Protein backbone atom coordinates (compact mmCIF):
# COMPACT_ATOMS: atom_id res chain seq x y z
CA MET A 1 -14.72 26.85 -11.91
CA VAL A 2 -13.33 23.34 -12.42
CA PHE A 3 -9.68 22.72 -11.60
CA VAL A 4 -8.05 19.95 -13.62
CA ARG A 5 -4.50 18.73 -13.32
CA ARG A 6 -2.33 19.99 -16.19
CA GLY A 7 0.25 17.21 -16.60
CA PRO A 8 -0.15 13.42 -16.93
CA VAL A 9 1.41 10.79 -14.68
CA ILE A 10 2.70 7.88 -16.76
CA ALA A 11 3.96 4.52 -15.44
CA PHE A 12 6.67 2.57 -17.27
CA LEU A 13 6.38 -1.09 -16.30
CA GLY A 14 8.13 -4.31 -17.26
CA PRO A 15 10.37 -7.03 -15.81
CA ASP A 16 14.02 -6.46 -14.97
CA GLY A 17 15.90 -6.03 -18.23
CA ALA A 18 12.93 -4.69 -20.20
CA GLY A 19 14.74 -1.39 -20.80
CA LYS A 20 12.79 1.02 -18.62
CA GLY A 21 15.81 3.18 -17.79
CA THR A 22 16.98 3.32 -21.41
CA VAL A 23 13.56 4.20 -22.81
CA ILE A 24 12.80 6.80 -20.14
CA ALA A 25 16.18 8.45 -20.71
CA GLY A 26 15.47 8.56 -24.45
CA VAL A 27 12.00 10.04 -23.97
CA LEU A 28 13.43 12.59 -21.54
CA GLN A 29 15.82 13.86 -24.20
CA LEU A 30 13.18 14.14 -26.93
CA LEU A 31 10.07 15.34 -25.07
CA ASP A 32 9.51 19.07 -25.10
CA GLY A 33 8.28 20.87 -22.01
CA PRO A 34 8.89 20.24 -18.29
CA VAL A 35 9.35 16.61 -17.23
CA THR A 36 9.76 14.97 -13.82
CA VAL A 37 11.09 11.41 -13.46
CA LEU A 38 10.22 9.32 -10.37
CA TYR A 39 11.85 6.03 -9.43
CA LEU A 40 9.25 3.94 -7.61
CA GLY A 41 11.08 0.64 -7.41
CA ARG A 42 12.56 -1.04 -4.36
CA ALA A 43 14.47 1.19 -1.99
CA ARG A 44 18.13 0.29 -2.35
CA SER A 45 18.62 -0.08 1.41
CA ARG A 46 15.61 -2.35 2.02
CA ARG A 47 14.95 -5.91 0.92
CA ASP A 48 11.41 -7.08 0.36
CA PRO A 49 10.80 -9.97 2.79
CA GLY A 50 8.58 -11.58 0.14
CA SER A 51 10.98 -11.18 -2.78
CA VAL A 52 12.65 -13.97 -4.73
CA ALA A 53 16.30 -14.91 -4.92
CA ARG A 54 18.34 -14.58 -8.13
CA ASP A 55 17.53 -18.15 -9.10
CA GLY A 56 13.80 -17.43 -8.80
CA ALA A 57 13.28 -19.40 -5.58
CA PRO A 58 11.10 -17.64 -2.98
CA ARG A 59 12.93 -16.50 0.12
CA ARG A 60 11.88 -17.88 3.49
CA GLN A 61 8.34 -16.74 4.25
CA PRO A 62 8.36 -13.92 6.86
CA SER A 63 5.88 -13.54 9.68
CA SER A 64 2.67 -11.67 8.87
CA PRO A 65 3.33 -8.72 11.25
CA ARG A 66 6.85 -8.19 9.88
CA GLU A 67 5.67 -8.38 6.29
CA CYS A 68 2.69 -6.06 6.86
CA ALA A 69 4.95 -3.54 8.58
CA PHE A 70 7.28 -3.62 5.56
CA LEU A 71 4.37 -3.15 3.15
CA ALA A 72 3.00 -0.22 5.18
CA ARG A 73 6.43 1.49 5.22
CA ARG A 74 6.83 0.94 1.49
CA ALA A 75 3.35 2.33 0.79
CA ALA A 76 4.15 5.43 2.85
CA ARG A 77 7.36 5.92 0.83
CA HIS A 78 5.53 5.47 -2.48
CA LEU A 79 2.73 7.84 -1.48
CA GLY A 80 5.28 10.46 -0.47
CA LEU A 81 7.06 10.19 -3.82
CA LEU A 82 3.77 10.20 -5.73
CA LEU A 83 2.66 13.31 -3.84
CA ARG A 84 5.75 15.09 -5.15
CA GLY A 85 5.03 13.75 -8.63
CA TYR A 86 1.41 14.88 -8.64
CA ALA A 87 2.45 18.31 -7.34
CA ALA A 88 4.73 18.58 -10.40
CA ALA A 89 1.89 17.34 -12.64
CA TRP A 90 -0.41 20.07 -11.32
CA ARG A 91 2.28 22.56 -12.38
CA GLY A 92 2.16 21.13 -15.89
CA HIS A 93 5.03 18.63 -15.80
CA VAL A 94 4.84 15.29 -17.57
CA VAL A 95 5.66 12.79 -14.81
CA LEU A 96 7.42 9.60 -15.91
CA CYS A 97 7.41 6.83 -13.30
CA ASP A 98 10.13 4.20 -13.50
CA ARG A 99 8.00 1.39 -12.03
CA HIS A 100 4.79 2.03 -10.10
CA PRO A 101 3.13 0.42 -7.05
CA VAL A 102 0.22 -0.95 -9.12
CA GLU A 103 2.58 -3.43 -10.80
CA VAL A 104 2.20 -5.81 -7.84
CA LEU A 105 -1.15 -6.75 -9.41
CA ALA A 106 0.86 -8.35 -12.23
CA VAL A 107 4.01 -9.59 -10.51
CA ARG A 108 2.28 -11.10 -7.45
CA PRO A 109 5.28 -11.70 -5.14
CA PRO A 110 4.92 -14.50 -2.58
CA ARG A 111 3.11 -13.19 0.51
CA THR A 112 1.49 -14.42 3.68
CA PRO A 113 -2.32 -14.33 3.42
CA ALA A 114 -2.46 -11.12 5.48
CA GLY A 115 0.33 -9.55 3.44
CA GLU A 116 -1.39 -10.41 0.16
CA VAL A 117 -4.68 -8.83 1.27
CA LEU A 118 -2.89 -5.68 2.47
CA GLU A 119 -0.77 -5.36 -0.67
CA ARG A 120 -3.78 -5.72 -2.98
CA PHE A 121 -5.76 -3.22 -0.91
CA ILE A 122 -2.93 -0.69 -1.11
CA ALA A 123 -2.53 -1.12 -4.87
CA ARG A 124 -6.25 -0.95 -5.63
CA ARG A 125 -7.53 1.55 -3.05
CA LEU A 126 -4.73 3.77 -1.74
CA ILE A 127 -2.46 4.29 -4.74
CA PRO A 128 -3.77 6.64 -7.46
CA TRP A 129 -3.88 4.94 -10.84
CA PRO A 130 -1.59 6.56 -13.45
CA ASP A 131 -3.06 8.40 -16.43
CA ALA A 132 -1.29 5.97 -18.76
CA VAL A 133 0.67 2.72 -18.46
CA ILE A 134 3.47 1.78 -20.84
CA VAL A 135 4.51 -1.87 -20.65
CA LEU A 136 7.95 -2.60 -22.08
CA ASP A 137 8.20 -6.17 -23.28
CA ALA A 138 10.90 -8.50 -24.59
CA PRO A 139 11.39 -12.29 -24.66
CA ALA A 140 12.48 -13.77 -21.35
CA SER A 141 15.79 -14.88 -22.89
CA ARG A 142 16.57 -11.26 -23.78
CA LEU A 143 15.66 -10.09 -20.30
CA LEU A 144 18.01 -12.66 -18.81
CA ASP A 145 20.84 -11.70 -21.18
CA ARG A 146 20.54 -8.04 -20.21
CA LYS A 147 20.32 -8.36 -16.43
CA GLY A 148 21.36 -11.89 -15.59
CA GLU A 149 18.84 -11.97 -12.76
CA HIS A 150 16.13 -14.52 -11.91
CA SER A 151 15.32 -17.57 -14.00
CA LEU A 152 13.75 -17.80 -17.44
CA GLY A 153 10.60 -19.21 -15.85
CA VAL A 154 10.26 -16.31 -13.41
CA LEU A 155 10.92 -13.69 -16.08
CA GLU A 156 8.40 -15.29 -18.44
CA ARG A 157 5.77 -15.42 -15.69
CA TRP A 158 6.34 -11.76 -14.87
CA ARG A 159 6.19 -10.54 -18.47
CA ARG A 160 2.96 -12.48 -19.03
CA GLY A 161 1.56 -10.98 -15.84
CA TYR A 162 2.18 -7.43 -17.08
CA LEU A 163 0.50 -8.20 -20.42
CA GLU A 164 -2.49 -9.98 -18.88
CA VAL A 165 -3.18 -7.36 -16.20
CA PHE A 166 -2.40 -4.10 -17.97
CA GLY A 167 -3.08 -5.00 -21.61
CA PRO A 168 -6.88 -5.15 -21.11
CA ARG A 169 -6.68 -1.88 -19.16
CA GLY A 170 -5.45 -0.01 -22.22
CA ALA A 171 -1.70 -0.06 -21.61
CA ALA A 172 0.60 0.72 -24.52
CA VAL A 173 2.65 -2.46 -25.01
CA ILE A 174 6.01 -1.69 -26.62
CA SER A 175 8.58 -4.25 -27.70
CA THR A 176 12.15 -3.53 -26.65
CA ASP A 177 13.54 -6.51 -28.56
CA GLY A 178 14.64 -4.34 -31.48
CA PRO A 179 16.67 -1.15 -31.87
CA PRO A 180 16.37 1.19 -28.84
CA GLU A 181 15.44 4.07 -31.15
CA ALA A 182 12.25 2.28 -32.22
CA SER A 183 11.19 1.59 -28.62
CA ILE A 184 11.91 5.17 -27.59
CA ALA A 185 9.93 6.56 -30.54
CA ALA A 186 6.92 4.38 -29.69
CA ALA A 187 7.09 5.36 -26.02
CA LEU A 188 7.41 9.04 -26.95
CA ALA A 189 4.24 8.78 -29.05
CA ALA A 190 2.38 7.17 -26.13
CA VAL A 191 3.57 9.89 -23.72
CA ARG A 192 2.48 12.63 -26.11
CA GLU A 193 -0.91 10.97 -26.48
CA ALA A 194 -1.35 10.92 -22.68
CA ARG A 195 -0.38 14.60 -22.51
CA SER A 196 -2.88 15.44 -25.26
CA ALA A 197 -5.62 13.58 -23.38
CA ARG A 198 -4.83 15.56 -20.25
CA ASN A 199 -4.92 18.83 -22.20
CA ALA A 200 -8.26 17.84 -23.73
CA ALA A 201 -9.61 17.11 -20.26
CA ARG A 202 -8.59 20.58 -19.13
CA THR A 203 -10.27 22.14 -22.16
CA HIS A 204 -13.55 20.35 -21.43
CA GLY A 205 -13.30 20.80 -17.68
CA ALA A 206 -13.26 17.10 -16.78
CA THR A 207 -10.49 14.69 -15.81
CA PRO A 208 -10.03 11.41 -17.78
CA SER A 209 -8.82 9.45 -14.78
CA ALA A 210 -8.46 9.63 -11.01
């Protein structure tokens, strides 16, 4: 007998201001069946030693041991949250992830050489890839208007990174530059498609993704 997970795990990605919270809230209201929402962004009490300041300038480079320790703690936190999410998915929940650890492959924060190797290894080898990725996209000027964080150059680099990394991997790219209802409807369709693919995998006794 082949056991296949019932529910899909779906990552919503995009720069700050792309509308992840708004779209996820809209999907949550319209999607039938059990749903679990996970926030996998930065812990509110911890600051990434390799992050950038509001003006887009890199912060002072940390030492490799300090940075690697931070990345290991963050990976442990993410894996713990994802474990809860996958447990819900096995029960049949649709799991919506507000951000996901694999997004570092697109954002590429400044790291020491050791930190960069460790972060890429974690994202590629330790973190399970989601069943579907939804990239929310808007012009950098709109992102800046909504959040007022980072510079236009940083926001543009990030949004291009999401498109270049996840677009070829089959991500659903949804514009949030128009009415929220349109973005929510498009995201809802992508979520339902991922759920249908998971149901089809169960019917045929094989999983479509790790």
